[in-house]
């Protein structure tokens, strides 16, 4: 399988699940088709893509099994390391509420540290940065939310300065990440602004439909919620 980076759905991969149950999320027809095409492939890139799909849809244990193999097979691949670390944060999150015992604190610290290491070694890898931003914002421990905000500010400045350097799918993924971070910070208007930018960009039908649903939901949010 030719290596590719799927960005449009990376933004929603982690947000929405930490600190509670991780029910498997619905599969789009495109994801189902992709899974069928790669699930029996044994090359590295296909297995990484399958792990990403499992992570995206909260198939945590399946993602863990694949990603453990991949990071051992290619420890220099920071994309695999980032997905693995983010999945480890999910594993930590499902053990109970945040701040439940020293073991949990250690697991959270460790997965955030591994994520930061991946980002430090691949500072220009857009996917790695999106995975880190989403996970940092959702976990919101050890200063991770501020790190997510700092990364967002840096990337947003780069995108605004050179929009043509980022394909529409990348910009859409970034806006989705930014919107979800603002929702976590209880800033519905700021979140809505980012979702509206996704609609205006019209990079992919699934992303636009997601944005429209979120805009409608945020419109029902009481003031100062």
Protein backbone atom coordinates (compact mmCIF):
# COMPACT_ATOMS: atom_id res chain seq x y z
CA UNK A 1 0.00 0.00 0.00
CA UNK A 2 1.31 3.43 -0.91
CA UNK A 3 2.04 5.40 2.24
CA UNK A 4 -0.33 8.27 2.86
CA UNK A 5 -1.37 10.51 5.69
CA UNK A 6 -5.07 10.74 6.44
CA UNK A 7 -5.69 14.05 8.17
CA UNK A 8 -9.36 14.87 7.97
CA UNK A 9 -10.36 12.49 10.72
CA UNK A 10 -7.27 12.78 12.88
CA UNK A 11 -8.69 15.77 14.64
CA UNK A 12 -11.56 13.81 16.14
CA UNK A 13 -9.55 10.73 16.97
CA UNK A 14 -9.06 11.24 20.69
CA UNK A 15 -11.28 14.06 21.86
CA UNK A 16 -14.53 12.99 23.42
CA UNK A 17 -13.51 9.79 25.12
CA UNK A 18 -11.01 10.28 27.91
CA UNK A 19 -12.04 9.71 31.50
CA UNK A 20 -15.09 7.65 30.56
CA UNK A 21 -16.09 4.64 28.54
CA UNK A 22 -14.76 4.34 25.00
CA UNK A 23 -17.63 2.91 22.96
CA UNK A 24 -16.75 2.03 19.41
CA UNK A 25 -17.64 4.97 17.20
CA UNK A 26 -19.69 4.65 14.00
CA UNK A 27 -17.82 3.75 10.84
CA UNK A 28 -18.33 5.81 7.71
CA UNK A 29 -18.69 4.00 4.40
CA UNK A 30 -15.26 5.31 3.40
CA UNK A 31 -13.64 3.89 6.55
CA UNK A 32 -15.37 0.55 6.07
CA UNK A 33 -14.16 0.39 2.50
CA UNK A 34 -10.61 1.29 3.54
CA UNK A 35 -10.58 -1.29 6.31
CA UNK A 36 -11.70 -4.02 3.93
CA UNK A 37 -8.94 -3.06 1.53
CA UNK A 38 -6.11 -3.23 4.07
CA UNK A 39 -7.11 -5.53 6.93
CA UNK A 40 -5.36 -8.57 5.44
CA UNK A 41 -2.30 -6.70 4.16
CA UNK A 42 0.97 -7.30 5.97
CA UNK A 43 3.11 -4.36 4.77
CA UNK A 44 4.08 -1.73 7.32
CA UNK A 45 2.04 1.15 5.91
CA UNK A 46 -1.16 -0.87 5.68
CA UNK A 47 -0.81 -2.04 9.27
CA UNK A 48 -0.19 1.53 10.42
CA UNK A 49 -3.29 2.70 8.59
CA UNK A 50 -5.30 -0.13 10.14
CA UNK A 51 -4.01 0.84 13.58
CA UNK A 52 -5.06 4.43 12.94
CA UNK A 53 -8.55 3.29 12.00
CA UNK A 54 -8.78 1.14 15.14
CA UNK A 55 -7.62 4.07 17.26
CA UNK A 56 -10.07 6.41 15.57
CA UNK A 57 -12.98 4.12 16.33
CA UNK A 58 -11.95 3.31 19.91
CA UNK A 59 -10.87 -0.23 19.18
CA UNK A 60 -8.20 0.40 21.78
CA UNK A 61 -6.89 -3.10 22.33
CA UNK A 62 -6.70 -3.85 18.60
CA UNK A 63 -4.84 -0.57 18.04
CA UNK A 64 -2.50 -1.35 20.92
CA UNK A 65 -1.55 -4.75 19.50
CA UNK A 66 -0.77 -3.32 16.08
CA UNK A 67 1.04 -0.21 17.29
CA UNK A 68 3.25 -2.16 19.71
CA UNK A 69 4.48 -4.21 16.76
CA UNK A 70 4.98 -1.16 14.57
CA UNK A 71 6.97 0.95 17.02
CA UNK A 72 9.20 -2.04 17.73
CA UNK A 73 9.63 -2.68 14.02
CA UNK A 74 10.41 0.94 13.19
CA UNK A 75 11.29 2.96 16.30
CA UNK A 76 12.22 5.96 14.15
CA UNK A 77 8.69 6.40 12.80
CA UNK A 78 7.33 9.26 14.89
CA UNK A 79 3.84 8.95 13.39
CA UNK A 80 3.52 5.43 14.78
CA UNK A 81 5.02 6.56 18.07
CA UNK A 82 2.50 9.41 18.33
CA UNK A 83 -0.48 7.16 17.66
CA UNK A 84 0.89 4.60 20.14
CA UNK A 85 1.35 7.23 22.86
CA UNK A 86 -2.13 8.66 22.26
CA UNK A 87 -3.60 5.17 22.50
CA UNK A 88 -1.71 4.64 25.75
CA UNK A 89 -3.43 7.77 27.07
CA UNK A 90 -6.76 6.18 26.18
CA UNK A 91 -5.74 3.04 28.07
CA UNK A 92 -4.86 5.21 31.06
CA UNK A 93 -8.14 7.09 30.72
CA UNK A 94 -10.35 4.02 30.78
CA UNK A 95 -8.88 2.78 34.07
CA UNK A 96 -11.07 5.31 35.87
CA UNK A 97 -11.38 9.05 36.40
CA UNK A 98 -8.28 11.17 36.01
CA UNK A 99 -6.23 11.54 39.17
CA UNK A 100 -7.09 8.07 40.45
CA UNK A 101 -3.98 6.74 42.13
CA UNK A 102 -0.26 6.91 41.49
CA UNK A 103 -0.30 4.22 38.82
CA UNK A 104 -2.74 6.19 36.73
CA UNK A 105 -0.76 9.38 37.20
CA UNK A 106 2.35 7.59 36.01
CA UNK A 107 0.57 6.19 32.93
CA UNK A 108 -0.70 9.64 31.98
CA UNK A 109 2.68 11.26 32.52
CA UNK A 110 4.38 8.56 30.47
CA UNK A 111 2.06 8.76 27.46
CA UNK A 112 2.25 12.57 27.39
CA UNK A 113 6.04 12.38 27.60
CA UNK A 114 6.18 9.93 24.69
CA UNK A 115 3.90 12.17 22.66
CA UNK A 116 6.11 15.16 23.32
CA UNK A 117 9.19 13.20 22.33
CA UNK A 118 7.54 12.28 19.01
CA UNK A 119 6.68 15.93 18.39
CA UNK A 120 10.19 17.07 19.32
CA UNK A 121 11.73 14.61 16.87
CA UNK A 122 9.23 15.41 14.11
CA UNK A 123 8.44 19.10 14.67
CA UNK A 124 7.13 19.58 11.14
CA UNK A 125 5.02 16.42 10.93
CA UNK A 126 1.46 17.73 10.69
CA UNK A 127 -0.16 14.44 11.72
CA UNK A 128 2.06 14.05 14.78
CA UNK A 129 1.24 17.60 15.87
CA UNK A 130 -2.51 17.05 15.44
CA UNK A 131 -2.41 13.85 17.46
CA UNK A 132 -0.45 15.60 20.19
CA UNK A 133 -2.75 18.64 20.25
CA UNK A 134 -5.90 16.55 20.55
CA UNK A 135 -4.50 14.31 23.24
CA UNK A 136 -2.93 17.15 25.21
CA UNK A 137 -6.20 19.09 25.21
CA UNK A 138 -8.34 16.14 26.23
CA UNK A 139 -6.04 14.96 29.02
CA UNK A 140 -5.44 18.49 30.34
CA UNK A 141 -2.85 17.51 32.93
CA UNK A 142 0.75 18.53 33.64
CA UNK A 143 0.29 21.67 31.54
CA UNK A 144 -0.78 19.73 28.46
CA UNK A 145 -3.67 22.07 27.59
CA UNK A 146 -1.29 25.02 27.41
CA UNK A 147 1.02 23.01 25.18
CA UNK A 148 -1.92 22.26 22.90
CA UNK A 149 -2.78 25.97 22.76
CA UNK A 150 0.81 26.92 22.01
CA UNK A 151 1.05 24.38 19.20
CA UNK A 152 -2.27 25.52 17.80
CA UNK A 153 -1.14 29.15 17.78
CA UNK A 154 2.09 28.26 15.99
CA UNK A 155 0.37 26.14 13.35
CA UNK A 156 -2.40 28.66 12.81
CA UNK A 157 0.16 31.38 12.19
CA UNK A 158 1.92 29.18 9.64
CA UNK A 159 -1.33 28.30 7.86
CA UNK A 160 -2.42 31.93 7.70
CA UNK A 161 0.97 32.99 6.34
CA UNK A 162 1.15 30.27 3.68
CA UNK A 163 -2.29 28.70 3.16
CA UNK A 164 -1.32 27.22 -0.20
CA UNK A 165 1.38 25.18 1.53
CA UNK A 166 -1.33 23.17 3.29
CA UNK A 167 -3.85 21.15 1.28
CA UNK A 168 -7.53 21.68 2.10
CA UNK A 169 -7.69 18.37 3.99
CA UNK A 170 -4.87 19.52 6.29
CA UNK A 171 -6.46 22.89 6.95
CA UNK A 172 -9.81 21.24 7.63
CA UNK A 173 -8.20 18.82 10.08
CA UNK A 174 -6.49 21.70 11.86
CA UNK A 175 -9.73 23.70 12.13
CA UNK A 176 -11.50 20.66 13.55
CA UNK A 177 -8.81 20.20 16.15
CA UNK A 178 -9.01 23.89 17.06
CA UNK A 179 -12.81 23.73 17.29
CA UNK A 180 -12.76 20.76 19.63
CA UNK A 181 -10.15 22.38 21.84
CA UNK A 182 -12.34 25.47 22.17
CA UNK A 183 -15.32 23.28 23.02
CA UNK A 184 -13.28 21.66 25.78
CA UNK A 185 -12.48 25.15 27.06
CA UNK A 186 -16.20 26.02 27.10
CA UNK A 187 -15.85 28.62 24.35
CA UNK A 188 -18.80 27.74 22.07
CA UNK A 189 -18.53 30.85 19.91
CA UNK A 190 -14.84 30.27 19.20
CA UNK A 191 -15.58 26.61 18.47
CA UNK A 192 -18.39 27.59 16.12
CA UNK A 193 -16.10 29.97 14.25
CA UNK A 194 -13.67 27.13 13.52
CA UNK A 195 -16.47 24.76 12.47
CA UNK A 196 -17.78 27.41 10.08
CA UNK A 197 -14.36 27.65 8.50
CA UNK A 198 -14.55 23.91 7.74
CA UNK A 199 -17.92 24.39 6.04
CA UNK A 200 -16.55 27.29 4.00
CA UNK A 201 -13.45 25.31 3.03
CA UNK A 202 -15.57 22.34 1.90
CA UNK A 203 -12.59 19.98 1.81
CA UNK A 204 -14.55 16.75 2.22
CA UNK A 205 -18.24 15.82 2.62
CA UNK A 206 -17.79 13.94 5.91
CA UNK A 207 -15.96 16.86 7.50
CA UNK A 208 -18.59 19.34 6.36
CA UNK A 209 -21.40 17.21 7.73
CA UNK A 210 -19.59 16.84 11.05
CA UNK A 211 -19.09 20.58 11.20
CA UNK A 212 -22.76 21.28 10.50
CA UNK A 213 -23.84 18.90 13.26
CA UNK A 214 -21.46 20.52 15.72
CA UNK A 215 -22.62 24.03 14.78
CA UNK A 216 -26.23 23.00 15.36
CA UNK A 217 -25.36 21.44 18.72
CA UNK A 218 -23.37 24.46 19.84
CA UNK A 219 -26.28 26.72 18.93
CA UNK A 220 -28.27 24.94 21.64
CA UNK A 221 -25.55 25.47 24.26
CA UNK A 222 -26.77 27.74 27.08
CA UNK A 223 -24.74 30.93 27.64
CA UNK A 224 -21.78 30.50 30.02
CA UNK A 225 -22.13 26.74 29.79
